[in-house]
mmCIF file of all heavy atoms, coordinates in Angstrom:
data_MODEL
# 
_entry.id   MODEL 
# 
loop_
_atom_site.group_PDB 
_atom_site.id 
_atom_site.type_symbol 
_atom_site.label_atom_id 
_atom_site.label_alt_id 
_atom_site.label_comp_id 
_atom_site.label_asym_id 
_atom_site.label_entity_id 
_atom_site.label_seq_id 
_atom_site.pdbx_PDB_ins_code 
_atom_site.Cartn_x 
_atom_site.Cartn_y 
_atom_site.Cartn_z 
_atom_site.occupancy 
_atom_site.B_iso_or_equiv 
_atom_site.pdbx_formal_charge 
_atom_site.auth_seq_id 
_atom_site.auth_comp_id 
_atom_site.auth_asym_id 
_atom_site.auth_atom_id 
_atom_site.pdbx_PDB_model_num 
ATOM 1   N N   . THR A 1 1  ? 0.684  9.474   9.247   1.00 0.00 ? 1  THR A N   1 
ATOM 2   C CA  . THR A 1 1  ? 0.642  9.889   10.628  1.00 0.00 ? 1  THR A CA  1 
ATOM 3   C C   . THR A 1 1  ? -0.212 11.156  10.798  1.00 0.00 ? 1  THR A C   1 
ATOM 4   O O   . THR A 1 1  ? -0.178 12.009  9.973   1.00 0.00 ? 1  THR A O   1 
ATOM 5   C CB  . THR A 1 1  ? 2.038  10.148  11.237  1.00 0.00 ? 1  THR A CB  1 
ATOM 6   O OG1 . THR A 1 1  ? 2.640  11.204  10.491  1.00 0.00 ? 1  THR A OG1 1 
ATOM 7   C CG2 . THR A 1 1  ? 2.914  8.926   11.217  1.00 0.00 ? 1  THR A CG2 1 
ATOM 8   N N   . VAL A 1 2  ? -0.941 11.169  11.894  1.00 0.00 ? 2  VAL A N   1 
ATOM 9   C CA  . VAL A 1 2  ? -1.723 12.312  12.284  1.00 0.00 ? 2  VAL A CA  1 
ATOM 10  C C   . VAL A 1 2  ? -1.537 12.506  13.781  1.00 0.00 ? 2  VAL A C   1 
ATOM 11  O O   . VAL A 1 2  ? -1.878 11.613  14.557  1.00 0.00 ? 2  VAL A O   1 
ATOM 12  C CB  . VAL A 1 2  ? -3.281 12.135  11.951  1.00 0.00 ? 2  VAL A CB  1 
ATOM 13  C CG1 . VAL A 1 2  ? -4.043 13.283  12.504  1.00 0.00 ? 2  VAL A CG1 1 
ATOM 14  C CG2 . VAL A 1 2  ? -3.427 11.930  10.486  1.00 0.00 ? 2  VAL A CG2 1 
ATOM 15  N N   . ALA A 1 3  ? -0.939 13.619  14.138  1.00 0.00 ? 3  ALA A N   1 
ATOM 16  C CA  . ALA A 1 3  ? -0.693 13.956  15.557  1.00 0.00 ? 3  ALA A CA  1 
ATOM 17  C C   . ALA A 1 3  ? 0.073  12.806  16.278  1.00 0.00 ? 3  ALA A C   1 
ATOM 18  O O   . ALA A 1 3  ? -0.340 12.376  17.347  1.00 0.00 ? 3  ALA A O   1 
ATOM 19  C CB  . ALA A 1 3  ? -1.996 14.279  16.271  1.00 0.00 ? 3  ALA A CB  1 
ATOM 20  N N   . ARG A 1 4  ? 1.143  12.345  15.680  1.00 0.00 ? 4  ARG A N   1 
ATOM 21  C CA  . ARG A 1 4  ? 1.988  11.331  16.227  1.00 0.00 ? 4  ARG A CA  1 
ATOM 22  C C   . ARG A 1 4  ? 1.355  9.938   16.373  1.00 0.00 ? 4  ARG A C   1 
ATOM 23  O O   . ARG A 1 4  ? 1.850  9.046   16.979  1.00 0.00 ? 4  ARG A O   1 
ATOM 24  C CB  . ARG A 1 4  ? 2.568  11.757  17.594  1.00 0.00 ? 4  ARG A CB  1 
ATOM 25  C CG  . ARG A 1 4  ? 3.447  12.982  17.479  1.00 0.00 ? 4  ARG A CG  1 
ATOM 26  C CD  . ARG A 1 4  ? 3.893  13.510  18.759  1.00 0.00 ? 4  ARG A CD  1 
ATOM 27  N NE  . ARG A 1 4  ? 4.479  12.427  19.565  1.00 0.00 ? 4  ARG A NE  1 
ATOM 28  C CZ  . ARG A 1 4  ? 5.149  12.619  20.707  1.00 0.00 ? 4  ARG A CZ  1 
ATOM 29  N NH1 . ARG A 1 4  ? 5.274  13.873  21.154  1.00 0.00 ? 4  ARG A NH1 1 
ATOM 30  N NH2 . ARG A 1 4  ? 5.636  11.638  21.380  1.00 0.00 ? 4  ARG A NH2 1 
ATOM 31  N N   . LYS A 1 5  ? 0.163  9.739   15.704  1.00 0.00 ? 5  LYS A N   1 
ATOM 32  C CA  . LYS A 1 5  ? -0.459 8.427   15.659  1.00 0.00 ? 5  LYS A CA  1 
ATOM 33  C C   . LYS A 1 5  ? -0.300 7.908   14.302  1.00 0.00 ? 5  LYS A C   1 
ATOM 34  O O   . LYS A 1 5  ? -0.578 8.577   13.283  1.00 0.00 ? 5  LYS A O   1 
ATOM 35  C CB  . LYS A 1 5  ? -1.965 8.628   16.012  1.00 0.00 ? 5  LYS A CB  1 
ATOM 36  C CG  . LYS A 1 5  ? -2.848 7.395   15.807  1.00 0.00 ? 5  LYS A CG  1 
ATOM 37  C CD  . LYS A 1 5  ? -2.710 6.447   17.001  1.00 0.00 ? 5  LYS A CD  1 
ATOM 38  C CE  . LYS A 1 5  ? -3.740 5.363   16.881  1.00 0.00 ? 5  LYS A CE  1 
ATOM 39  N NZ  . LYS A 1 5  ? -3.234 4.116   16.505  1.00 0.00 ? 5  LYS A NZ  1 
ATOM 40  N N   . LYS A 1 6  ? 0.151  6.629   14.219  1.00 0.00 ? 6  LYS A N   1 
ATOM 41  C CA  . LYS A 1 6  ? 0.366  6.038   12.905  1.00 0.00 ? 6  LYS A CA  1 
ATOM 42  C C   . LYS A 1 6  ? -0.830 5.218   12.470  1.00 0.00 ? 6  LYS A C   1 
ATOM 43  O O   . LYS A 1 6  ? -1.341 4.430   13.227  1.00 0.00 ? 6  LYS A O   1 
ATOM 44  C CB  . LYS A 1 6  ? 1.668  5.134   13.020  1.00 0.00 ? 6  LYS A CB  1 
ATOM 45  C CG  . LYS A 1 6  ? 2.103  4.623   11.667  1.00 0.00 ? 6  LYS A CG  1 
ATOM 46  C CD  . LYS A 1 6  ? 3.187  3.563   11.801  1.00 0.00 ? 6  LYS A CD  1 
ATOM 47  C CE  . LYS A 1 6  ? 4.495  4.135   12.245  1.00 0.00 ? 6  LYS A CE  1 
ATOM 48  N NZ  . LYS A 1 6  ? 5.592  3.146   12.207  1.00 0.00 ? 6  LYS A NZ  1 
ATOM 49  N N   . TYR A 1 7  ? -1.209 5.367   11.180  1.00 0.00 ? 7  TYR A N   1 
ATOM 50  C CA  . TYR A 1 7  ? -2.316 4.641   10.632  1.00 0.00 ? 7  TYR A CA  1 
ATOM 51  C C   . TYR A 1 7  ? -1.811 3.844   9.405   1.00 0.00 ? 7  TYR A C   1 
ATOM 52  O O   . TYR A 1 7  ? -0.850 4.290   8.778   1.00 0.00 ? 7  TYR A O   1 
ATOM 53  C CB  . TYR A 1 7  ? -3.418 5.587   10.158  1.00 0.00 ? 7  TYR A CB  1 
ATOM 54  C CG  . TYR A 1 7  ? -4.054 6.336   11.265  1.00 0.00 ? 7  TYR A CG  1 
ATOM 55  C CD1 . TYR A 1 7  ? -3.586 7.596   11.632  1.00 0.00 ? 7  TYR A CD1 1 
ATOM 56  C CD2 . TYR A 1 7  ? -5.115 5.809   11.990  1.00 0.00 ? 7  TYR A CD2 1 
ATOM 57  C CE1 . TYR A 1 7  ? -4.148 8.359   12.642  1.00 0.00 ? 7  TYR A CE1 1 
ATOM 58  C CE2 . TYR A 1 7  ? -5.700 6.520   13.038  1.00 0.00 ? 7  TYR A CE2 1 
ATOM 59  C CZ  . TYR A 1 7  ? -5.229 7.768   13.342  1.00 0.00 ? 7  TYR A CZ  1 
ATOM 60  O OH  . TYR A 1 7  ? -5.801 8.470   14.393  1.00 0.00 ? 7  TYR A OH  1 
ATOM 61  N N   . ARG A 1 8  ? -2.405 2.706   9.116   1.00 0.00 ? 8  ARG A N   1 
ATOM 62  C CA  . ARG A 1 8  ? -1.954 1.881   8.028   1.00 0.00 ? 8  ARG A CA  1 
ATOM 63  C C   . ARG A 1 8  ? -3.215 1.389   7.237   1.00 0.00 ? 8  ARG A C   1 
ATOM 64  O O   . ARG A 1 8  ? -4.226 1.125   7.820   1.00 0.00 ? 8  ARG A O   1 
ATOM 65  C CB  . ARG A 1 8  ? -1.223 0.651   8.532   1.00 0.00 ? 8  ARG A CB  1 
ATOM 66  C CG  . ARG A 1 8  ? 0.061  0.995   9.281   1.00 0.00 ? 8  ARG A CG  1 
ATOM 67  C CD  . ARG A 1 8  ? 0.685  -0.270  9.855   1.00 0.00 ? 8  ARG A CD  1 
ATOM 68  N NE  . ARG A 1 8  ? 1.809  0.048   10.653  1.00 0.00 ? 8  ARG A NE  1 
ATOM 69  C CZ  . ARG A 1 8  ? 1.776  0.166   11.967  1.00 0.00 ? 8  ARG A CZ  1 
ATOM 70  N NH1 . ARG A 1 8  ? 0.661  0.072   12.574  1.00 0.00 ? 8  ARG A NH1 1 
ATOM 71  N NH2 . ARG A 1 8  ? 2.882  0.471   12.647  1.00 0.00 ? 8  ARG A NH2 1 
ATOM 72  N N   . CYS A 1 9  ? -3.023 1.240   5.947   1.00 0.00 ? 9  CYS A N   1 
ATOM 73  C CA  . CYS A 1 9  ? -4.097 0.757   5.085   1.00 0.00 ? 9  CYS A CA  1 
ATOM 74  C C   . CYS A 1 9  ? -3.454 -0.166  4.029   1.00 0.00 ? 9  CYS A C   1 
ATOM 75  O O   . CYS A 1 9  ? -2.539 0.225   3.280   1.00 0.00 ? 9  CYS A O   1 
ATOM 76  C CB  . CYS A 1 9  ? -4.765 1.955   4.423   1.00 0.00 ? 9  CYS A CB  1 
ATOM 77  S SG  . CYS A 1 9  ? -6.134 1.476   3.364   1.00 0.00 ? 9  CYS A SG  1 
ATOM 78  N N   . HIS A 1 10 ? -3.996 -1.367  3.940   1.00 0.00 ? 10 HIS A N   1 
ATOM 79  C CA  . HIS A 1 10 ? -3.479 -2.351  2.958   1.00 0.00 ? 10 HIS A CA  1 
ATOM 80  C C   . HIS A 1 10 ? -3.789 -1.918  1.531   1.00 0.00 ? 10 HIS A C   1 
ATOM 81  O O   . HIS A 1 10 ? -4.892 -1.372  1.248   1.00 0.00 ? 10 HIS A O   1 
ATOM 82  C CB  . HIS A 1 10 ? -4.142 -3.717  3.216   1.00 0.00 ? 10 HIS A CB  1 
ATOM 83  C CG  . HIS A 1 10 ? -3.917 -4.732  2.118   1.00 0.00 ? 10 HIS A CG  1 
ATOM 84  N ND1 . HIS A 1 10 ? -2.686 -5.316  1.980   1.00 0.00 ? 10 HIS A ND1 1 
ATOM 85  C CD2 . HIS A 1 10 ? -4.724 -5.198  1.162   1.00 0.00 ? 10 HIS A CD2 1 
ATOM 86  C CE1 . HIS A 1 10 ? -2.764 -6.174  0.942   1.00 0.00 ? 10 HIS A CE1 1 
ATOM 87  N NE2 . HIS A 1 10 ? -3.991 -6.101  0.432   1.00 0.00 ? 10 HIS A NE2 1 
ATOM 88  N N   . ILE A 1 11 ? -2.846 -2.040  0.681   1.00 0.00 ? 11 ILE A N   1 
ATOM 89  C CA  . ILE A 1 11 ? -3.067 -1.708  -0.774  1.00 0.00 ? 11 ILE A CA  1 
ATOM 90  C C   . ILE A 1 11 ? -3.436 -3.040  -1.477  1.00 0.00 ? 11 ILE A C   1 
ATOM 91  O O   . ILE A 1 11 ? -2.639 -3.980  -1.563  1.00 0.00 ? 11 ILE A O   1 
ATOM 92  C CB  . ILE A 1 11 ? -1.771 -1.111  -1.405  1.00 0.00 ? 11 ILE A CB  1 
ATOM 93  C CG1 . ILE A 1 11 ? -1.377 0.127   -0.623  1.00 0.00 ? 11 ILE A CG1 1 
ATOM 94  C CG2 . ILE A 1 11 ? -1.959 -0.840  -2.879  1.00 0.00 ? 11 ILE A CG2 1 
ATOM 95  C CD1 . ILE A 1 11 ? -0.027 0.719   -1.078  1.00 0.00 ? 11 ILE A CD1 1 
ATOM 96  N N   . PRO A 1 12 ? -4.672 -3.095  -1.980  1.00 0.00 ? 12 PRO A N   1 
ATOM 97  C CA  . PRO A 1 12 ? -5.085 -4.335  -2.598  1.00 0.00 ? 12 PRO A CA  1 
ATOM 98  C C   . PRO A 1 12 ? -4.367 -4.558  -3.970  1.00 0.00 ? 12 PRO A C   1 
ATOM 99  O O   . PRO A 1 12 ? -3.919 -3.605  -4.586  1.00 0.00 ? 12 PRO A O   1 
ATOM 100 C CB  . PRO A 1 12 ? -6.591 -4.167  -2.782  1.00 0.00 ? 12 PRO A CB  1 
ATOM 101 C CG  . PRO A 1 12 ? -6.801 -2.676  -2.765  1.00 0.00 ? 12 PRO A CG  1 
ATOM 102 C CD  . PRO A 1 12 ? -5.723 -2.108  -1.912  1.00 0.00 ? 12 PRO A CD  1 
ATOM 103 N N   . GLY A 1 13 ? -4.318 -5.811  -4.372  1.00 0.00 ? 13 GLY A N   1 
ATOM 104 C CA  . GLY A 1 13 ? -3.702 -6.118  -5.648  1.00 0.00 ? 13 GLY A CA  1 
ATOM 105 C C   . GLY A 1 13 ? -2.834 -7.344  -5.555  1.00 0.00 ? 13 GLY A C   1 
ATOM 106 O O   . GLY A 1 13 ? -2.158 -7.702  -6.559  1.00 0.00 ? 13 GLY A O   1 
ATOM 107 N N   . GLY A 1 14 ? -2.846 -8.014  -4.465  1.00 0.00 ? 14 GLY A N   1 
ATOM 108 C CA  . GLY A 1 14 ? -2.075 -9.213  -4.339  1.00 0.00 ? 14 GLY A CA  1 
ATOM 109 C C   . GLY A 1 14 ? -0.748 -9.019  -3.624  1.00 0.00 ? 14 GLY A C   1 
ATOM 110 O O   . GLY A 1 14 ? -0.542 -7.930  -3.020  1.00 0.00 ? 14 GLY A O   1 
ATOM 111 N N   . ASN A 1 15 ? 0.139  -9.984  -3.708  1.00 0.00 ? 15 ASN A N   1 
ATOM 112 C CA  . ASN A 1 15 ? 1.392  -9.839  -3.025  1.00 0.00 ? 15 ASN A CA  1 
ATOM 113 C C   . ASN A 1 15 ? 2.352  -8.907  -3.698  1.00 0.00 ? 15 ASN A C   1 
ATOM 114 O O   . ASN A 1 15 ? 2.050  -8.400  -4.760  1.00 0.00 ? 15 ASN A O   1 
ATOM 115 C CB  . ASN A 1 15 ? 2.001  -11.245 -2.837  1.00 0.00 ? 15 ASN A CB  1 
ATOM 116 C CG  . ASN A 1 15 ? 2.335  -11.939 -4.113  1.00 0.00 ? 15 ASN A CG  1 
ATOM 117 O OD1 . ASN A 1 15 ? 2.441  -11.271 -5.113  1.00 0.00 ? 15 ASN A OD1 1 
ATOM 118 N ND2 . ASN A 1 15 ? 2.503  -13.233 -4.148  1.00 0.00 ? 15 ASN A ND2 1 
ATOM 119 N N   . SER A 1 16 ? 3.476  -8.642  -3.095  1.00 0.00 ? 16 SER A N   1 
ATOM 120 C CA  . SER A 1 16 ? 4.375  -7.590  -3.621  1.00 0.00 ? 16 SER A CA  1 
ATOM 121 C C   . SER A 1 16 ? 5.049  -7.927  -4.925  1.00 0.00 ? 16 SER A C   1 
ATOM 122 O O   . SER A 1 16 ? 5.649  -7.041  -5.563  1.00 0.00 ? 16 SER A O   1 
ATOM 123 C CB  . SER A 1 16 ? 5.428  -7.305  -2.578  1.00 0.00 ? 16 SER A CB  1 
ATOM 124 O OG  . SER A 1 16 ? 6.208  -8.431  -2.301  1.00 0.00 ? 16 SER A OG  1 
ATOM 125 N N   . SER A 1 17 ? 4.932  -9.175  -5.385  1.00 0.00 ? 17 SER A N   1 
ATOM 126 C CA  . SER A 1 17 ? 5.510  -9.483  -6.697  1.00 0.00 ? 17 SER A CA  1 
ATOM 127 C C   . SER A 1 17 ? 4.434  -9.461  -7.791  1.00 0.00 ? 17 SER A C   1 
ATOM 128 O O   . SER A 1 17 ? 4.811  -9.538  -8.965  1.00 0.00 ? 17 SER A O   1 
ATOM 129 C CB  . SER A 1 17 ? 6.131  -10.923 -6.636  1.00 0.00 ? 17 SER A CB  1 
ATOM 130 O OG  . SER A 1 17 ? 5.135  -11.873 -6.384  1.00 0.00 ? 17 SER A OG  1 
ATOM 131 N N   . ASN A 1 18 ? 3.209  -9.191  -7.464  1.00 0.00 ? 18 ASN A N   1 
ATOM 132 C CA  . ASN A 1 18 ? 2.141  -9.117  -8.443  1.00 0.00 ? 18 ASN A CA  1 
ATOM 133 C C   . ASN A 1 18 ? 2.266  -7.758  -9.186  1.00 0.00 ? 18 ASN A C   1 
ATOM 134 O O   . ASN A 1 18 ? 2.401  -6.723  -8.533  1.00 0.00 ? 18 ASN A O   1 
ATOM 135 C CB  . ASN A 1 18 ? 0.789  -9.202  -7.678  1.00 0.00 ? 18 ASN A CB  1 
ATOM 136 C CG  . ASN A 1 18 ? -0.355 -9.280  -8.698  1.00 0.00 ? 18 ASN A CG  1 
ATOM 137 O OD1 . ASN A 1 18 ? -0.340 -8.891  -9.816  1.00 0.00 ? 18 ASN A OD1 1 
ATOM 138 N ND2 . ASN A 1 18 ? -1.435 -9.931  -8.213  1.00 0.00 ? 18 ASN A ND2 1 
ATOM 139 N N   . PRO A 1 19 ? 2.175  -7.767  -10.514 1.00 0.00 ? 19 PRO A N   1 
ATOM 140 C CA  . PRO A 1 19 ? 2.303  -6.504  -11.287 1.00 0.00 ? 19 PRO A CA  1 
ATOM 141 C C   . PRO A 1 19 ? 1.244  -5.466  -10.917 1.00 0.00 ? 19 PRO A C   1 
ATOM 142 O O   . PRO A 1 19 ? 1.505  -4.283  -10.922 1.00 0.00 ? 19 PRO A O   1 
ATOM 143 C CB  . PRO A 1 19 ? 2.204  -6.927  -12.743 1.00 0.00 ? 19 PRO A CB  1 
ATOM 144 C CG  . PRO A 1 19 ? 2.519  -8.372  -12.754 1.00 0.00 ? 19 PRO A CG  1 
ATOM 145 C CD  . PRO A 1 19 ? 2.134  -8.934  -11.421 1.00 0.00 ? 19 PRO A CD  1 
ATOM 146 N N   . LEU A 1 20 ? 0.041  -5.929  -10.589 1.00 0.00 ? 20 LEU A N   1 
ATOM 147 C CA  . LEU A 1 20 ? -1.015 -5.000  -10.224 1.00 0.00 ? 20 LEU A CA  1 
ATOM 148 C C   . LEU A 1 20 ? -0.699 -4.310  -8.906  1.00 0.00 ? 20 LEU A C   1 
ATOM 149 O O   . LEU A 1 20 ? -0.893 -3.051  -8.788  1.00 0.00 ? 20 LEU A O   1 
ATOM 150 C CB  . LEU A 1 20 ? -2.360 -5.704  -10.097 1.00 0.00 ? 20 LEU A CB  1 
ATOM 151 C CG  . LEU A 1 20 ? -3.599 -4.880  -9.716  1.00 0.00 ? 20 LEU A CG  1 
ATOM 152 C CD1 . LEU A 1 20 ? -3.829 -3.760  -10.744 1.00 0.00 ? 20 LEU A CD1 1 
ATOM 153 C CD2 . LEU A 1 20 ? -4.815 -5.739  -9.547  1.00 0.00 ? 20 LEU A CD2 1 
ATOM 154 N N   . ALA A 1 21 ? -0.162 -5.046  -7.950  1.00 0.00 ? 21 ALA A N   1 
ATOM 155 C CA  . ALA A 1 21 ? 0.196  -4.443  -6.629  1.00 0.00 ? 21 ALA A CA  1 
ATOM 156 C C   . ALA A 1 21 ? 1.362  -3.458  -6.825  1.00 0.00 ? 21 ALA A C   1 
ATOM 157 O O   . ALA A 1 21 ? 1.351  -2.404  -6.200  1.00 0.00 ? 21 ALA A O   1 
ATOM 158 C CB  . ALA A 1 21 ? 0.566  -5.542  -5.618  1.00 0.00 ? 21 ALA A CB  1 
ATOM 159 N N   . ILE A 1 22 ? 2.316  -3.802  -7.637  1.00 0.00 ? 22 ILE A N   1 
ATOM 160 C CA  . ILE A 1 22 ? 3.437  -2.929  -7.901  1.00 0.00 ? 22 ILE A CA  1 
ATOM 161 C C   . ILE A 1 22 ? 2.958  -1.642  -8.605  1.00 0.00 ? 22 ILE A C   1 
ATOM 162 O O   . ILE A 1 22 ? 3.408  -0.541  -8.235  1.00 0.00 ? 22 ILE A O   1 
ATOM 163 C CB  . ILE A 1 22 ? 4.517  -3.626  -8.759  1.00 0.00 ? 22 ILE A CB  1 
ATOM 164 C CG1 . ILE A 1 22 ? 5.142  -4.814  -7.994  1.00 0.00 ? 22 ILE A CG1 1 
ATOM 165 C CG2 . ILE A 1 22 ? 5.590  -2.646  -9.222  1.00 0.00 ? 22 ILE A CG2 1 
ATOM 166 C CD1 . ILE A 1 22 ? 5.973  -5.715  -8.797  1.00 0.00 ? 22 ILE A CD1 1 
ATOM 167 N N   . TYR A 1 23 ? 2.049  -1.811  -9.577  1.00 0.00 ? 23 TYR A N   1 
ATOM 168 C CA  . TYR A 1 23 ? 1.476  -0.603  -10.254 1.00 0.00 ? 23 TYR A CA  1 
ATOM 169 C C   . TYR A 1 23 ? 0.755  0.313   -9.287  1.00 0.00 ? 23 TYR A C   1 
ATOM 170 O O   . TYR A 1 23 ? 0.940  1.511   -9.303  1.00 0.00 ? 23 TYR A O   1 
ATOM 171 C CB  . TYR A 1 23 ? 0.597  -1.051  -11.413 1.00 0.00 ? 23 TYR A CB  1 
ATOM 172 C CG  . TYR A 1 23 ? -0.133 0.097   -12.020 1.00 0.00 ? 23 TYR A CG  1 
ATOM 173 C CD1 . TYR A 1 23 ? 0.504  0.910   -12.906 1.00 0.00 ? 23 TYR A CD1 1 
ATOM 174 C CD2 . TYR A 1 23 ? -1.483 0.346   -11.728 1.00 0.00 ? 23 TYR A CD2 1 
ATOM 175 C CE1 . TYR A 1 23 ? -0.174 1.993   -13.498 1.00 0.00 ? 23 TYR A CE1 1 
ATOM 176 C CE2 . TYR A 1 23 ? -2.159 1.410   -12.340 1.00 0.00 ? 23 TYR A CE2 1 
ATOM 177 C CZ  . TYR A 1 23 ? -1.470 2.210   -13.183 1.00 0.00 ? 23 TYR A CZ  1 
ATOM 178 O OH  . TYR A 1 23 ? -2.134 3.294   -13.749 1.00 0.00 ? 23 TYR A OH  1 
ATOM 179 N N   . ARG A 1 24 ? -0.061 -0.263  -8.380  1.00 0.00 ? 24 ARG A N   1 
ATOM 180 C CA  . ARG A 1 24 ? -0.787 0.527   -7.446  1.00 0.00 ? 24 ARG A CA  1 
ATOM 181 C C   . ARG A 1 24 ? 0.121  1.211   -6.410  1.00 0.00 ? 24 ARG A C   1 
ATOM 182 O O   . ARG A 1 24 ? -0.093 2.341   -5.972  1.00 0.00 ? 24 ARG A O   1 
ATOM 183 C CB  . ARG A 1 24 ? -1.887 -0.302  -6.747  1.00 0.00 ? 24 ARG A CB  1 
ATOM 184 C CG  . ARG A 1 24 ? -3.031 -0.644  -7.664  1.00 0.00 ? 24 ARG A CG  1 
ATOM 185 C CD  . ARG A 1 24 ? -4.041 -1.464  -7.014  1.00 0.00 ? 24 ARG A CD  1 
ATOM 186 N NE  . ARG A 1 24 ? -5.177 -1.680  -7.913  1.00 0.00 ? 24 ARG A NE  1 
ATOM 187 C CZ  . ARG A 1 24 ? -6.163 -2.491  -7.690  1.00 0.00 ? 24 ARG A CZ  1 
ATOM 188 N NH1 . ARG A 1 24 ? -6.207 -3.182  -6.537  1.00 0.00 ? 24 ARG A NH1 1 
ATOM 189 N NH2 . ARG A 1 24 ? -7.165 -2.601  -8.541  1.00 0.00 ? 24 ARG A NH2 1 
ATOM 190 N N   . LYS A 1 25 ? 1.190  0.516   -5.989  1.00 0.00 ? 25 LYS A N   1 
ATOM 191 C CA  . LYS A 1 25 ? 2.139  1.101   -5.091  1.00 0.00 ? 25 LYS A CA  1 
ATOM 192 C C   . LYS A 1 25 ? 2.802  2.308   -5.749  1.00 0.00 ? 25 LYS A C   1 
ATOM 193 O O   . LYS A 1 25 ? 2.951  3.342   -5.142  1.00 0.00 ? 25 LYS A O   1 
ATOM 194 C CB  . LYS A 1 25 ? 3.204  0.064   -4.700  1.00 0.00 ? 25 LYS A CB  1 
ATOM 195 C CG  . LYS A 1 25 ? 4.286  0.611   -3.815  1.00 0.00 ? 25 LYS A CG  1 
ATOM 196 C CD  . LYS A 1 25 ? 5.499  -0.286  -3.705  1.00 0.00 ? 25 LYS A CD  1 
ATOM 197 C CE  . LYS A 1 25 ? 6.356  -0.058  -4.927  1.00 0.00 ? 25 LYS A CE  1 
ATOM 198 N NZ  . LYS A 1 25 ? 7.742  -0.214  -4.827  1.00 0.00 ? 25 LYS A NZ  1 
ATOM 199 N N   . GLN A 1 26 ? 3.214  2.157   -6.966  1.00 0.00 ? 26 GLN A N   1 
ATOM 200 C CA  . GLN A 1 26 ? 3.850  3.230   -7.702  1.00 0.00 ? 26 GLN A CA  1 
ATOM 201 C C   . GLN A 1 26 ? 2.899  4.460   -7.887  1.00 0.00 ? 26 GLN A C   1 
ATOM 202 O O   . GLN A 1 26 ? 3.276  5.614   -7.831  1.00 0.00 ? 26 GLN A O   1 
ATOM 203 C CB  . GLN A 1 26 ? 4.418  2.786   -9.075  1.00 0.00 ? 26 GLN A CB  1 
ATOM 204 C CG  . GLN A 1 26 ? 5.558  1.844   -8.920  1.00 0.00 ? 26 GLN A CG  1 
ATOM 205 C CD  . GLN A 1 26 ? 5.953  1.204   -10.218 1.00 0.00 ? 26 GLN A CD  1 
ATOM 206 O OE1 . GLN A 1 26 ? 5.263  1.237   -11.206 1.00 0.00 ? 26 GLN A OE1 1 
ATOM 207 N NE2 . GLN A 1 26 ? 7.098  0.529   -10.252 1.00 0.00 ? 26 GLN A NE2 1 
ATOM 208 N N   . ASP A 1 27 ? 1.609  4.134   -8.149  1.00 0.00 ? 27 ASP A N   1 
ATOM 209 C CA  . ASP A 1 27 ? 0.636  5.142   -8.282  1.00 0.00 ? 27 ASP A CA  1 
ATOM 210 C C   . ASP A 1 27 ? 0.451  5.977   -6.987  1.00 0.00 ? 27 ASP A C   1 
ATOM 211 O O   . ASP A 1 27 ? 0.350  7.176   -7.019  1.00 0.00 ? 27 ASP A O   1 
ATOM 212 C CB  . ASP A 1 27 ? -0.679 4.528   -8.701  1.00 0.00 ? 27 ASP A CB  1 
ATOM 213 C CG  . ASP A 1 27 ? -1.741 5.526   -9.197  1.00 0.00 ? 27 ASP A CG  1 
ATOM 214 O OD1 . ASP A 1 27 ? -1.296 6.628   -9.592  1.00 0.00 ? 27 ASP A OD1 1 
ATOM 215 O OD2 . ASP A 1 27 ? -2.940 5.175   -9.171  1.00 0.00 ? 27 ASP A OD2 1 
# 
């Protein structure tokens, strides 16, 4: 959030069960 405005950005690496996506999320 910046000044009460919410921003979102997709984390690449596949779906949430993919080990690469989990690793990037933890990073």
